[in-house]
């Protein structure tokens, strides 16, 4: 009973934006991307300067293949917070999907400038370099990813 009272009090103490972000994020986790986008739209109406909303909405849009719209959200997030490394990473992911290795590398360079220990960014940048036939650069990035704890040796082959 005490837990239910605590949860009720916690839920009413959250501001509406936090509650919408939380429900949107839970829908995202449940792969209800459309429902999550609806919650993030409402949150953005209430807090248009919250970069997290645009980042999360962009991720959901990317997951339903609305890449152009996702990029608009990512750019909004970066206009608010230009040091949001995860946003650059998501932009790079779209560039990689579109076979745009040059733009992916630019975005991943920014990720690594902001967060030099993000192993996944080295994996992705290595992949982009491999797409450009920069075998040495790809292997260097993949080796750095291994040092940081990610080892996809069977996939990290650039020939």
Protein backbone atom coordinates (compact mmCIF):
# COMPACT_ATOMS: atom_id res chain seq x y z
CA UNK A 1 0.00 0.00 0.00
CA UNK A 2 2.81 2.40 0.89
CA UNK A 3 4.46 1.75 -2.49
CA UNK A 4 1.24 2.64 -4.32
CA UNK A 5 0.98 5.91 -2.39
CA UNK A 6 4.62 6.72 -3.18
CA UNK A 7 4.16 5.95 -6.87
CA UNK A 8 1.01 8.05 -6.99
CA UNK A 9 2.73 10.98 -5.28
CA UNK A 10 5.76 10.63 -7.56
CA UNK A 11 3.58 10.59 -10.66
CA UNK A 12 1.72 13.76 -9.69
CA UNK A 13 4.94 15.50 -8.66
CA UNK A 14 6.44 15.08 -12.13
CA UNK A 15 5.92 18.04 -14.35
CA UNK A 16 3.90 17.39 -17.52
CA UNK A 17 6.97 17.52 -19.78
CA UNK A 18 8.86 14.93 -17.73
CA UNK A 19 5.79 12.71 -17.68
CA UNK A 20 5.38 12.96 -21.48
CA UNK A 21 9.07 12.20 -22.01
CA UNK A 22 8.80 9.19 -19.71
CA UNK A 23 5.66 7.82 -21.37
CA UNK A 24 7.13 8.48 -24.81
CA UNK A 25 10.34 6.72 -23.86
CA UNK A 26 8.42 3.73 -22.53
CA UNK A 27 6.48 3.54 -25.80
CA UNK A 28 9.80 3.71 -27.65
CA UNK A 29 11.06 0.77 -25.57
CA UNK A 30 7.88 -1.11 -26.50
CA UNK A 31 8.59 -0.25 -30.17
CA UNK A 32 5.43 1.88 -30.35
CA UNK A 33 7.28 4.55 -32.27
CA UNK A 34 4.16 6.35 -33.51
CA UNK A 35 2.76 6.59 -29.99
CA UNK A 36 6.11 7.78 -28.70
CA UNK A 37 6.29 10.46 -31.38
CA UNK A 38 2.84 11.69 -30.34
CA UNK A 39 4.02 12.04 -26.72
CA UNK A 40 7.22 13.77 -27.81
CA UNK A 41 5.19 16.15 -30.01
CA UNK A 42 3.15 17.16 -26.97
CA UNK A 43 6.30 17.53 -24.88
CA UNK A 44 7.92 19.70 -27.58
CA UNK A 45 4.87 21.97 -27.56
CA UNK A 46 5.34 22.48 -23.82
CA UNK A 47 9.16 22.64 -23.80
CA UNK A 48 10.45 23.74 -27.21
CA UNK A 49 13.99 24.20 -25.88
CA UNK A 50 14.46 20.67 -24.54
CA UNK A 51 17.05 18.93 -26.75
CA UNK A 52 16.26 15.49 -25.32
CA UNK A 53 12.74 15.61 -26.76
CA UNK A 54 14.03 16.24 -30.28
CA UNK A 55 16.72 13.59 -29.92
CA UNK A 56 14.25 10.95 -28.77
CA UNK A 57 11.65 11.92 -31.36
CA UNK A 58 14.33 11.76 -34.04
CA UNK A 59 15.32 8.25 -32.95
CA UNK A 60 11.69 7.15 -33.19
CA UNK A 61 11.30 8.72 -36.62
CA UNK A 62 14.50 7.04 -37.79
CA UNK A 63 13.12 3.70 -36.61
CA UNK A 64 10.07 4.12 -38.85
CA UNK A 65 12.26 5.20 -41.78
CA UNK A 66 11.33 8.90 -41.63
CA UNK A 67 14.97 9.84 -42.04
CA UNK A 68 14.52 13.39 -43.33
CA UNK A 69 12.19 14.25 -40.47
CA UNK A 70 14.56 12.59 -37.99
CA UNK A 71 17.40 14.76 -39.29
CA UNK A 72 15.28 17.88 -38.74
CA UNK A 73 14.80 16.82 -35.11
CA UNK A 74 18.48 16.03 -34.68
CA UNK A 75 19.41 19.45 -36.01
CA UNK A 76 16.94 21.08 -33.60
CA UNK A 77 18.53 19.19 -30.72
CA UNK A 78 21.99 20.32 -31.84
CA UNK A 79 20.86 23.93 -32.18
CA UNK A 80 19.89 23.78 -28.51
CA UNK A 81 22.90 21.76 -27.38
CA UNK A 82 25.76 21.51 -29.89
CA UNK A 83 27.65 19.17 -27.53
CA UNK A 84 25.08 16.36 -27.60
CA UNK A 85 27.33 13.54 -28.86
CA UNK A 86 24.53 10.96 -29.15
CA UNK A 87 22.72 13.17 -31.66
CA UNK A 88 25.77 13.27 -33.93
CA UNK A 89 25.97 9.48 -33.60
CA UNK A 90 22.35 9.08 -34.73
CA UNK A 91 22.96 11.39 -37.68
CA UNK A 92 25.96 9.27 -38.63
CA UNK A 93 23.80 6.15 -38.47
CA UNK A 94 21.41 7.64 -41.03
CA UNK A 95 24.32 8.70 -43.23
CA UNK A 96 25.69 5.15 -43.10
CA UNK A 97 22.30 3.72 -44.03
CA UNK A 98 22.25 6.07 -47.01
CA UNK A 99 25.80 5.03 -48.00
CA UNK A 100 27.05 8.57 -47.36
CA UNK A 101 30.35 7.65 -45.75
CA UNK A 102 31.86 11.13 -45.96
CA UNK A 103 29.06 12.75 -43.94
CA UNK A 104 29.03 9.81 -41.53
CA UNK A 105 32.73 10.34 -40.85
CA UNK A 106 32.19 14.07 -40.20
CA UNK A 107 29.42 13.30 -37.72
CA UNK A 108 31.47 10.56 -36.05
CA UNK A 109 34.50 12.83 -35.81
CA UNK A 110 32.28 15.22 -33.84
CA UNK A 111 31.05 12.37 -31.61
CA UNK A 112 34.62 11.39 -30.82
CA UNK A 113 35.67 14.99 -30.24
CA UNK A 114 32.92 15.21 -27.60
CA UNK A 115 33.19 11.66 -26.27
CA UNK A 116 36.54 10.04 -27.15
CA UNK A 117 35.68 6.84 -25.27
CA UNK A 118 32.53 6.00 -27.25
CA UNK A 119 33.60 2.66 -28.68
CA UNK A 120 30.55 2.30 -30.93
CA UNK A 121 31.56 5.50 -32.74
CA UNK A 122 34.93 3.95 -33.61
CA UNK A 123 33.16 0.88 -34.97
CA UNK A 124 30.89 3.01 -37.14
CA UNK A 125 33.65 5.33 -38.29
CA UNK A 126 35.75 2.30 -39.19
CA UNK A 127 32.85 1.00 -41.25
CA UNK A 128 32.52 4.36 -43.02
CA UNK A 129 36.26 4.42 -43.74
CA UNK A 130 36.04 0.89 -45.09
CA UNK A 131 33.24 2.05 -47.42
CA UNK A 132 35.73 4.60 -48.76
CA UNK A 133 38.38 1.89 -49.09
CA UNK A 134 40.52 3.42 -46.35
CA UNK A 135 41.59 0.04 -45.00
CA UNK A 136 44.28 1.39 -42.66
CA UNK A 137 41.90 3.99 -41.21
CA UNK A 138 39.15 1.40 -40.76
CA UNK A 139 41.47 -1.01 -38.98
CA UNK A 140 42.83 1.75 -36.75
CA UNK A 141 39.32 2.71 -35.65
CA UNK A 142 38.26 -0.90 -35.15
CA UNK A 143 41.37 -1.57 -33.06
CA UNK A 144 40.51 1.45 -30.90
CA UNK A 145 36.99 0.07 -30.47
CA UNK A 146 38.51 -3.23 -29.34
CA UNK A 147 40.68 -1.38 -26.80
CA UNK A 148 37.52 0.25 -25.49
CA UNK A 149 35.69 -3.07 -25.16
CA UNK A 150 33.82 -3.69 -28.41
CA UNK A 151 35.09 -6.58 -30.48
CA UNK A 152 33.18 -7.54 -33.58
CA UNK A 153 36.27 -9.15 -35.11
CA UNK A 154 34.19 -11.33 -37.42
CA UNK A 155 32.53 -8.20 -38.84
CA UNK A 156 35.53 -5.87 -38.75
CA UNK A 157 37.06 -6.91 -42.03
CA UNK A 158 37.84 -4.42 -44.73
CA UNK A 159 39.06 -5.87 -48.01
